[in-house]
Amino acid sequence: VQLQASGGGLVQAGGSLRLSCAASGRSFSTYIMGWFRQTTGKEREFVARITWSGSSTSYAESVKGGFTISRDNAKNTVYLQMNTLKPEDTAVYYCAASTSAAFRDPSRYDYWGQGTQVTVSS
């Protein structure tokens, strides 16, 4: 599976962005998909994940209520809708694919996209 993330950019605090992650490969619909983020000098941080069917989602406490993860298996795409953005949301955001139930652990993901920069100005 190859992943291509897009949709990042510069936005003011309180604004919104929608990230997309397009996947190639026939088995996309069987993977758990996750979003992580990373800032310079820090470890990659779990943001959200969605099961292969889309029936279950999980979020980091810091983004609950503001971010929504979704997927369209017909389009081989997973999305991260980010609302009410804060300066502390500034990071490079990565999408990833996993077959593991340990979805908060980045080492359990098999495939990664290249990352897209999100910058939130105050």
Protein backbone atom coordinates (compact mmCIF):
# COMPACT_ATOMS: atom_id res chain seq x y z
CA VAL A 1 0.00 0.00 0.00
CA GLN A 2 1.29 3.45 -0.92
CA LEU A 3 -0.12 6.48 0.86
CA GLN A 4 -0.20 10.09 -0.27
CA ALA A 5 -1.28 12.75 2.23
CA SER A 6 -2.47 16.19 1.20
CA GLY A 7 -4.52 19.14 2.38
CA GLY A 8 -2.19 20.79 4.83
CA GLY A 9 -1.56 24.51 4.90
CA LEU A 10 -1.57 27.69 6.92
CA VAL A 11 -4.72 28.60 8.80
CA GLN A 12 -5.64 31.01 11.57
CA ALA A 13 -6.62 29.76 15.00
CA GLY A 14 -10.27 28.71 15.02
CA GLY A 15 -10.16 27.76 11.37
CA SER A 16 -10.58 24.41 9.66
CA LEU A 17 -8.68 22.12 7.33
CA ARG A 18 -9.43 18.75 5.82
CA LEU A 19 -6.57 16.36 5.23
CA SER A 20 -6.83 13.57 2.72
CA CYS A 21 -4.81 10.40 2.38
CA ALA A 22 -5.08 8.58 -0.93
CA ALA A 23 -4.01 4.96 -0.99
CA SER A 24 -2.96 2.73 -3.83
CA GLY A 25 -3.27 -1.02 -3.60
CA ARG A 26 -6.12 -3.45 -3.71
CA SER A 27 -6.24 -4.22 0.03
CA PHE A 28 -6.83 -0.69 1.34
CA SER A 29 -10.25 -1.57 2.72
CA THR A 30 -8.76 -4.22 5.00
CA TYR A 31 -6.46 -1.84 6.87
CA ILE A 32 -6.98 0.18 9.98
CA MET A 33 -6.08 3.74 9.04
CA GLY A 34 -4.56 6.24 11.39
CA TRP A 35 -3.41 9.84 11.53
CA PHE A 36 -0.37 10.89 13.52
CA ARG A 37 1.41 14.18 13.92
CA GLN A 38 4.92 15.21 14.76
CA THR A 39 6.74 18.41 15.66
CA THR A 40 10.48 18.94 15.61
CA GLY A 41 12.23 17.16 18.44
CA LYS A 42 9.16 15.28 19.59
CA GLU A 43 7.93 11.75 19.07
CA ARG A 44 5.21 10.98 16.58
CA GLU A 45 1.85 11.42 18.33
CA PHE A 46 -1.35 9.48 17.72
CA VAL A 47 -4.24 11.65 16.54
CA ALA A 48 -7.05 9.39 15.29
CA ARG A 49 -7.79 5.99 13.77
CA ILE A 50 -10.63 4.32 11.97
CA THR A 51 -11.36 0.63 11.45
CA TRP A 52 -11.51 -0.94 8.03
CA SER A 53 -15.31 -0.70 7.91
CA GLY A 54 -15.46 2.81 9.35
CA SER A 55 -17.72 1.60 12.14
CA SER A 56 -15.30 2.51 14.93
CA THR A 57 -13.13 5.55 15.49
CA SER A 58 -10.75 6.64 18.23
CA TYR A 59 -9.14 9.98 19.01
CA ALA A 60 -6.43 11.45 21.13
CA GLU A 61 -7.89 13.37 24.06
CA SER A 62 -6.36 16.58 22.76
CA VAL A 63 -8.40 16.50 19.54
CA LYS A 64 -11.68 14.98 20.68
CA GLY A 65 -14.63 17.08 19.68
CA GLY A 66 -12.61 19.04 17.12
CA PHE A 67 -11.30 16.43 14.68
CA THR A 68 -13.21 13.79 12.74
CA ILE A 69 -11.70 10.85 10.89
CA SER A 70 -13.59 9.16 8.05
CA ARG A 71 -12.88 6.93 5.09
CA ASP A 72 -14.27 6.15 1.67
CA ASN A 73 -13.16 2.67 0.67
CA ALA A 74 -14.58 3.10 -2.83
CA LYS A 75 -12.13 5.98 -3.31
CA ASN A 76 -9.29 4.41 -1.30
CA THR A 77 -9.15 7.58 0.76
CA VAL A 78 -9.16 8.47 4.45
CA TYR A 79 -9.88 11.98 5.69
CA LEU A 80 -9.19 14.04 8.77
CA GLN A 81 -11.53 16.99 9.23
CA MET A 82 -9.94 19.43 11.65
CA ASN A 83 -12.11 22.15 13.12
CA THR A 84 -11.45 24.82 15.71
CA LEU A 85 -7.73 24.55 15.12
CA LYS A 86 -5.29 25.81 17.74
CA PRO A 87 -1.64 26.84 17.44
CA GLU A 88 -0.69 23.68 19.34
CA ASP A 89 -2.13 21.64 16.45
CA THR A 90 0.77 22.84 14.30
CA ALA A 91 2.71 19.79 13.12
CA VAL A 92 3.45 17.54 10.19
CA TYR A 93 0.53 15.16 9.86
CA TYR A 94 1.02 11.61 8.64
CA CYS A 95 -1.44 8.97 7.58
CA ALA A 96 -0.64 5.33 8.13
CA ALA A 97 -2.06 1.87 7.57
CA SER A 98 -2.05 -1.00 10.04
CA THR A 99 -3.38 -4.49 10.64
CA SER A 100 -2.73 -4.25 14.39
CA ALA A 101 -5.21 -3.51 17.14
CA ALA A 102 -2.52 -1.49 18.94
CA PHE A 103 -3.51 1.61 17.05
CA ARG A 104 -1.88 4.21 19.31
CA ASP A 105 1.60 2.78 18.75
CA PRO A 106 3.22 4.13 15.57
CA SER A 107 5.58 1.15 15.43
CA ARG A 108 2.57 -1.09 14.74
CA TYR A 109 1.78 0.63 11.45
CA ASP A 110 3.00 -0.98 8.26
CA TYR A 111 2.77 1.85 5.75
CA TRP A 112 3.20 5.61 6.03
CA GLY A 113 2.45 8.59 3.85
CA GLN A 114 4.98 11.36 3.35
CA GLY A 115 3.38 13.88 5.70
CA THR A 116 1.64 17.20 5.16
CA GLN A 117 2.42 20.38 7.11
CA VAL A 118 -0.31 22.05 9.11
CA THR A 119 0.47 25.47 10.56
CA VAL A 120 -2.01 27.28 12.79
CA SER A 121 -1.27 30.93 13.49
CA SER A 122 -2.46 32.71 16.60
